[in-house]
Amino acid sequence: MIDRKYALLAGLMLAGCASQSDFLDSKQATAIDTAMQRAKFEMNCPAAQGSVLSRQYIQAPMGGPRMVTVGVDRAEYTIGAAGCGQRLTYVVVCSDGTEGCIAGDGRR
């Protein structure tokens, strides 16, 4: 018989994974839009298309004598943009509690 403590711990871990996935899902469309606005301008290519190459959840660090959260959770995406014979990748970061995202410089 599984101890209740282990069952509760497993449930909390699964809930944490689900909420991370939900957070990534909720920011993904904005991340793609942000990268593609920049890509279309830099590539001078209104027809450029984008796709998510990778994504990851970055938990806010803990610090201080009481080990409290310092900062906010973030979602990081690598977005590939292609069009007009060109390809670029962008790293896009979206912070929890904000509507927008930031796209770093495109790399060829």
N, C-alpha and C. Protein backbone atom coordinates (compact mmCIF):
# COMPACT_ATOMS: atom_id res chain seq x y z
N MET A 1 0.83 -1.19 0.00
CA MET A 1 0.00 0.00 0.00
C MET A 1 0.88 1.26 0.00
N ILE A 2 0.56 2.20 -0.85
CA ILE A 2 1.35 3.42 -0.97
C ILE A 2 1.03 4.34 0.19
N ASP A 3 2.08 4.81 0.81
CA ASP A 3 1.93 5.74 1.92
C ASP A 3 1.27 7.03 1.41
N ARG A 4 0.40 7.61 2.21
CA ARG A 4 -0.31 8.83 1.80
C ARG A 4 0.64 9.99 1.52
N LYS A 5 1.74 10.07 2.25
CA LYS A 5 2.71 11.14 2.02
C LYS A 5 3.26 11.07 0.60
N TYR A 6 3.59 9.85 0.16
CA TYR A 6 4.15 9.68 -1.18
C TYR A 6 3.11 9.99 -2.24
N ALA A 7 1.87 9.60 -1.98
CA ALA A 7 0.80 9.88 -2.93
C ALA A 7 0.57 11.38 -3.05
N LEU A 8 0.59 12.10 -1.93
CA LEU A 8 0.42 13.54 -1.94
C LEU A 8 1.59 14.21 -2.66
N LEU A 9 2.80 13.77 -2.38
CA LEU A 9 3.98 14.33 -3.03
C LEU A 9 3.92 14.12 -4.54
N ALA A 10 3.54 12.93 -4.97
CA ALA A 10 3.42 12.64 -6.40
C ALA A 10 2.36 13.54 -7.04
N GLY A 11 1.25 13.73 -6.36
CA GLY A 11 0.19 14.59 -6.87
C GLY A 11 0.64 16.03 -7.02
N LEU A 12 1.39 16.53 -6.03
CA LEU A 12 1.89 17.90 -6.11
C LEU A 12 2.89 18.06 -7.24
N MET A 13 3.73 17.06 -7.44
CA MET A 13 4.70 17.12 -8.54
C MET A 13 3.99 17.14 -9.89
N LEU A 14 2.97 16.33 -10.05
CA LEU A 14 2.22 16.32 -11.30
C LEU A 14 1.49 17.64 -11.52
N ALA A 15 0.96 18.21 -10.46
CA ALA A 15 0.28 19.50 -10.56
C ALA A 15 1.26 20.59 -10.97
N GLY A 16 2.49 20.54 -10.43
CA GLY A 16 3.51 21.51 -10.80
C GLY A 16 3.87 21.41 -12.27
N CYS A 17 3.98 20.20 -12.78
CA CYS A 17 4.28 20.00 -14.20
C CYS A 17 3.15 20.52 -15.07
N ALA A 18 1.92 20.26 -14.65
CA ALA A 18 0.78 20.72 -15.43
C ALA A 18 0.73 22.24 -15.46
N SER A 19 1.00 22.90 -14.34
CA SER A 19 0.94 24.34 -14.32
C SER A 19 2.07 24.95 -15.13
N GLN A 20 3.25 24.32 -15.16
CA GLN A 20 4.36 24.80 -16.00
C GLN A 20 3.98 24.69 -17.47
N SER A 21 3.39 23.57 -17.83
CA SER A 21 2.96 23.37 -19.21
C SER A 21 1.87 24.37 -19.60
N ASP A 22 0.94 24.61 -18.69
CA ASP A 22 -0.12 25.59 -18.95
C ASP A 22 0.47 26.99 -19.13
N PHE A 23 1.45 27.32 -18.30
CA PHE A 23 2.10 28.62 -18.39
C PHE A 23 2.80 28.76 -19.75
N LEU A 24 3.55 27.74 -20.15
CA LEU A 24 4.22 27.77 -21.45
C LEU A 24 3.21 27.89 -22.58
N ASP A 25 2.14 27.14 -22.50
CA ASP A 25 1.09 27.20 -23.52
C ASP A 25 0.48 28.59 -23.60
N SER A 26 0.25 29.22 -22.45
CA SER A 26 -0.42 30.52 -22.42
C SER A 26 0.43 31.64 -23.02
N LYS A 27 1.74 31.50 -23.00
CA LYS A 27 2.64 32.54 -23.50
C LYS A 27 3.13 32.28 -24.93
N GLN A 28 2.91 31.07 -25.44
CA GLN A 28 3.53 30.67 -26.71
C GLN A 28 3.09 31.53 -27.90
N ALA A 29 1.82 31.80 -28.04
CA ALA A 29 1.34 32.60 -29.19
C ALA A 29 1.95 34.00 -29.17
N THR A 30 2.04 34.60 -27.99
CA THR A 30 2.64 35.93 -27.88
C THR A 30 4.13 35.88 -28.21
N ALA A 31 4.81 34.81 -27.80
CA ALA A 31 6.23 34.65 -28.10
C ALA A 31 6.45 34.55 -29.61
N ILE A 32 5.62 33.76 -30.28
CA ILE A 32 5.75 33.62 -31.74
C ILE A 32 5.48 34.96 -32.42
N ASP A 33 4.42 35.66 -32.01
CA ASP A 33 4.11 36.96 -32.59
C ASP A 33 5.25 37.95 -32.41
N THR A 34 5.84 37.97 -31.21
CA THR A 34 6.93 38.88 -30.92
C THR A 34 8.13 38.60 -31.82
N ALA A 35 8.51 37.33 -31.93
CA ALA A 35 9.64 36.96 -32.77
C ALA A 35 9.36 37.28 -34.24
N MET A 36 8.15 37.01 -34.69
CA MET A 36 7.84 37.20 -36.10
C MET A 36 7.74 38.67 -36.48
N GLN A 37 7.31 39.53 -35.59
CA GLN A 37 7.32 40.97 -35.88
C GLN A 37 8.75 41.43 -36.13
N ARG A 38 9.64 40.98 -35.29
CA ARG A 38 11.05 41.36 -35.45
C ARG A 38 11.65 40.72 -36.70
N ALA A 39 11.36 39.44 -36.92
CA ALA A 39 11.91 38.73 -38.08
C ALA A 39 11.47 39.36 -39.39
N LYS A 40 10.19 39.66 -39.50
CA LYS A 40 9.68 40.25 -40.74
C LYS A 40 10.34 41.58 -41.03
N PHE A 41 10.63 42.36 -40.01
CA PHE A 41 11.32 43.63 -40.18
C PHE A 41 12.78 43.41 -40.56
N GLU A 42 13.50 42.59 -39.78
CA GLU A 42 14.93 42.39 -40.02
C GLU A 42 15.21 41.69 -41.35
N MET A 43 14.34 40.77 -41.73
CA MET A 43 14.52 40.04 -42.98
C MET A 43 13.91 40.78 -44.17
N ASN A 44 13.16 41.86 -43.89
CA ASN A 44 12.41 42.57 -44.91
C ASN A 44 11.58 41.58 -45.71
N CYS A 45 10.83 40.75 -44.97
CA CYS A 45 10.09 39.65 -45.57
C CYS A 45 8.74 39.48 -44.87
N PRO A 46 7.70 40.16 -45.37
CA PRO A 46 6.37 40.04 -44.75
C PRO A 46 5.80 38.62 -44.79
N ALA A 47 6.32 37.76 -45.66
CA ALA A 47 5.79 36.40 -45.79
C ALA A 47 6.48 35.40 -44.86
N ALA A 48 7.42 35.85 -44.04
CA ALA A 48 8.15 34.93 -43.16
C ALA A 48 7.19 34.19 -42.23
N GLN A 49 7.52 32.94 -41.96
CA GLN A 49 6.73 32.09 -41.07
C GLN A 49 7.60 31.66 -39.90
N GLY A 50 6.97 31.41 -38.76
CA GLY A 50 7.72 31.02 -37.57
C GLY A 50 7.24 29.72 -36.97
N SER A 51 8.14 29.08 -36.25
CA SER A 51 7.78 27.86 -35.53
C SER A 51 8.62 27.77 -34.25
N VAL A 52 8.06 27.11 -33.25
CA VAL A 52 8.75 26.93 -31.98
C VAL A 52 9.74 25.77 -32.13
N LEU A 53 11.01 26.05 -31.88
CA LEU A 53 12.04 25.02 -31.93
C LEU A 53 12.23 24.38 -30.56
N SER A 54 12.10 25.17 -29.51
CA SER A 54 12.19 24.65 -28.15
C SER A 54 11.52 25.63 -27.21
N ARG A 55 11.18 25.13 -26.03
CA ARG A 55 10.60 25.99 -25.01
C ARG A 55 10.95 25.42 -23.65
N GLN A 56 11.07 26.33 -22.69
CA GLN A 56 11.42 25.88 -21.35
C GLN A 56 10.87 26.84 -20.30
N TYR A 57 10.52 26.27 -19.17
CA TYR A 57 10.02 27.01 -18.02
C TYR A 57 11.21 27.34 -17.13
N ILE A 58 11.33 28.60 -16.74
CA ILE A 58 12.43 29.02 -15.87
C ILE A 58 11.82 29.56 -14.59
N GLN A 59 12.05 28.82 -13.50
CA GLN A 59 11.49 29.21 -12.21
C GLN A 59 12.29 30.35 -11.62
N ALA A 60 11.60 31.29 -10.99
CA ALA A 60 12.26 32.41 -10.33
C ALA A 60 13.21 31.88 -9.26
N PRO A 61 14.40 32.48 -9.15
CA PRO A 61 15.36 32.01 -8.15
C PRO A 61 14.91 32.34 -6.73
N MET A 62 15.43 31.58 -5.80
CA MET A 62 15.17 31.81 -4.38
C MET A 62 16.45 32.37 -3.78
N GLY A 63 16.31 33.29 -2.84
CA GLY A 63 17.50 33.87 -2.23
C GLY A 63 17.18 34.56 -0.92
N GLY A 64 18.20 35.11 -0.34
CA GLY A 64 18.05 35.80 0.93
C GLY A 64 18.07 34.84 2.10
N PRO A 65 18.13 35.39 3.31
CA PRO A 65 18.20 34.53 4.50
C PRO A 65 16.95 33.68 4.71
N ARG A 66 15.83 34.10 4.17
CA ARG A 66 14.59 33.33 4.34
C ARG A 66 14.24 32.52 3.10
N MET A 67 15.14 32.49 2.13
CA MET A 67 14.94 31.75 0.89
C MET A 67 13.59 32.06 0.25
N VAL A 68 13.35 33.35 0.02
CA VAL A 68 12.12 33.79 -0.63
C VAL A 68 12.37 33.92 -2.13
N THR A 69 11.32 33.90 -2.91
CA THR A 69 11.44 34.04 -4.35
C THR A 69 11.90 35.44 -4.69
N VAL A 70 12.92 35.53 -5.55
CA VAL A 70 13.46 36.80 -6.00
C VAL A 70 13.24 36.86 -7.51
N GLY A 71 12.32 37.68 -7.96
CA GLY A 71 12.03 37.76 -9.39
C GLY A 71 10.73 37.04 -9.73
N VAL A 72 10.57 36.74 -11.02
CA VAL A 72 9.34 36.11 -11.50
C VAL A 72 9.69 34.90 -12.36
N ASP A 73 8.71 34.01 -12.50
CA ASP A 73 8.87 32.86 -13.39
C ASP A 73 8.84 33.37 -14.83
N ARG A 74 9.56 32.65 -15.70
CA ARG A 74 9.64 33.06 -17.10
C ARG A 74 9.47 31.86 -18.02
N ALA A 75 9.03 32.15 -19.22
CA ALA A 75 8.98 31.15 -20.27
C ALA A 75 9.99 31.58 -21.33
N GLU A 76 10.82 30.64 -21.77
CA GLU A 76 11.82 30.94 -22.79
C GLU A 76 11.57 30.06 -24.01
N TYR A 77 11.50 30.68 -25.16
CA TYR A 77 11.24 29.97 -26.42
C TYR A 77 12.36 30.25 -27.40
N THR A 78 12.72 29.26 -28.19
CA THR A 78 13.56 29.48 -29.35
C THR A 78 12.64 29.37 -30.55
N ILE A 79 12.55 30.46 -31.31
CA ILE A 79 11.64 30.54 -32.44
C ILE A 79 12.46 30.59 -33.72
N GLY A 80 12.13 29.73 -34.66
CA GLY A 80 12.77 29.75 -35.97
C GLY A 80 11.90 30.52 -36.94
N ALA A 81 12.51 31.43 -37.69
CA ALA A 81 11.79 32.22 -38.70
C ALA A 81 12.41 31.92 -40.05
N ALA A 82 11.56 31.70 -41.06
CA ALA A 82 12.05 31.41 -42.41
C ALA A 82 11.18 32.11 -43.43
N GLY A 83 11.82 32.62 -44.47
CA GLY A 83 11.09 33.25 -45.57
C GLY A 83 12.03 34.05 -46.44
N CYS A 84 11.65 34.24 -47.70
CA CYS A 84 12.44 35.03 -48.65
C CYS A 84 13.88 34.52 -48.75
N GLY A 85 14.06 33.22 -48.67
CA GLY A 85 15.39 32.63 -48.79
C GLY A 85 16.29 32.84 -47.58
N GLN A 86 15.72 33.22 -46.44
CA GLN A 86 16.50 33.48 -45.23
C GLN A 86 15.95 32.68 -44.06
N ARG A 87 16.84 32.44 -43.08
CA ARG A 87 16.42 31.77 -41.84
C ARG A 87 17.13 32.43 -40.67
N LEU A 88 16.38 32.69 -39.62
CA LEU A 88 16.91 33.26 -38.38
C LEU A 88 16.30 32.53 -37.20
N THR A 89 17.00 32.56 -36.07
CA THR A 89 16.43 32.06 -34.82
C THR A 89 16.44 33.18 -33.80
N TYR A 90 15.42 33.18 -32.97
CA TYR A 90 15.27 34.18 -31.91
C TYR A 90 15.01 33.49 -30.59
N VAL A 91 15.62 34.00 -29.54
CA VAL A 91 15.28 33.57 -28.19
C VAL A 91 14.32 34.62 -27.65
N VAL A 92 13.15 34.15 -27.23
CA VAL A 92 12.10 35.04 -26.75
C VAL A 92 11.81 34.69 -25.29
N VAL A 93 11.75 35.71 -24.45
CA VAL A 93 11.49 35.52 -23.02
C VAL A 93 10.20 36.25 -22.66
N CYS A 94 9.32 35.53 -21.97
CA CYS A 94 8.05 36.08 -21.50
C CYS A 94 8.00 35.91 -19.99
N SER A 95 7.75 36.98 -19.27
CA SER A 95 7.69 36.93 -17.82
C SER A 95 6.27 36.76 -17.33
N ASP A 96 6.11 36.06 -16.23
CA ASP A 96 4.81 35.89 -15.60
C ASP A 96 4.32 37.26 -15.13
N GLY A 97 3.05 37.53 -15.31
CA GLY A 97 2.48 38.78 -14.85
C GLY A 97 2.57 39.91 -15.87
N THR A 98 3.09 39.63 -17.06
CA THR A 98 3.17 40.64 -18.11
C THR A 98 2.44 40.14 -19.34
N GLU A 99 2.07 41.06 -20.20
CA GLU A 99 1.36 40.69 -21.43
C GLU A 99 2.33 40.46 -22.59
N GLY A 100 3.46 41.14 -22.60
CA GLY A 100 4.37 41.08 -23.73
C GLY A 100 5.56 40.17 -23.49
N CYS A 101 6.37 40.05 -24.53
CA CYS A 101 7.60 39.25 -24.48
C CYS A 101 8.72 40.06 -25.11
N ILE A 102 9.95 39.59 -24.92
CA ILE A 102 11.12 40.25 -25.49
C ILE A 102 11.85 39.26 -26.37
N ALA A 103 12.14 39.68 -27.61
CA ALA A 103 12.89 38.84 -28.55
C ALA A 103 14.32 39.36 -28.65
N GLY A 104 15.27 38.46 -28.43
CA GLY A 104 16.68 38.81 -28.58
C GLY A 104 17.06 38.92 -30.04
N ASP A 105 18.31 39.30 -30.30
CA ASP A 105 18.80 39.44 -31.67
C ASP A 105 18.66 38.14 -32.42
N GLY A 106 18.31 38.25 -33.70
CA GLY A 106 18.20 37.08 -34.56
C GLY A 106 19.58 36.55 -34.92
N ARG A 107 19.70 35.25 -35.01
CA ARG A 107 20.98 34.64 -35.40
C ARG A 107 20.76 33.82 -36.65
N ARG A 108 21.71 33.94 -37.54
CA ARG A 108 21.66 33.18 -38.80
C ARG A 108 22.26 31.82 -38.63
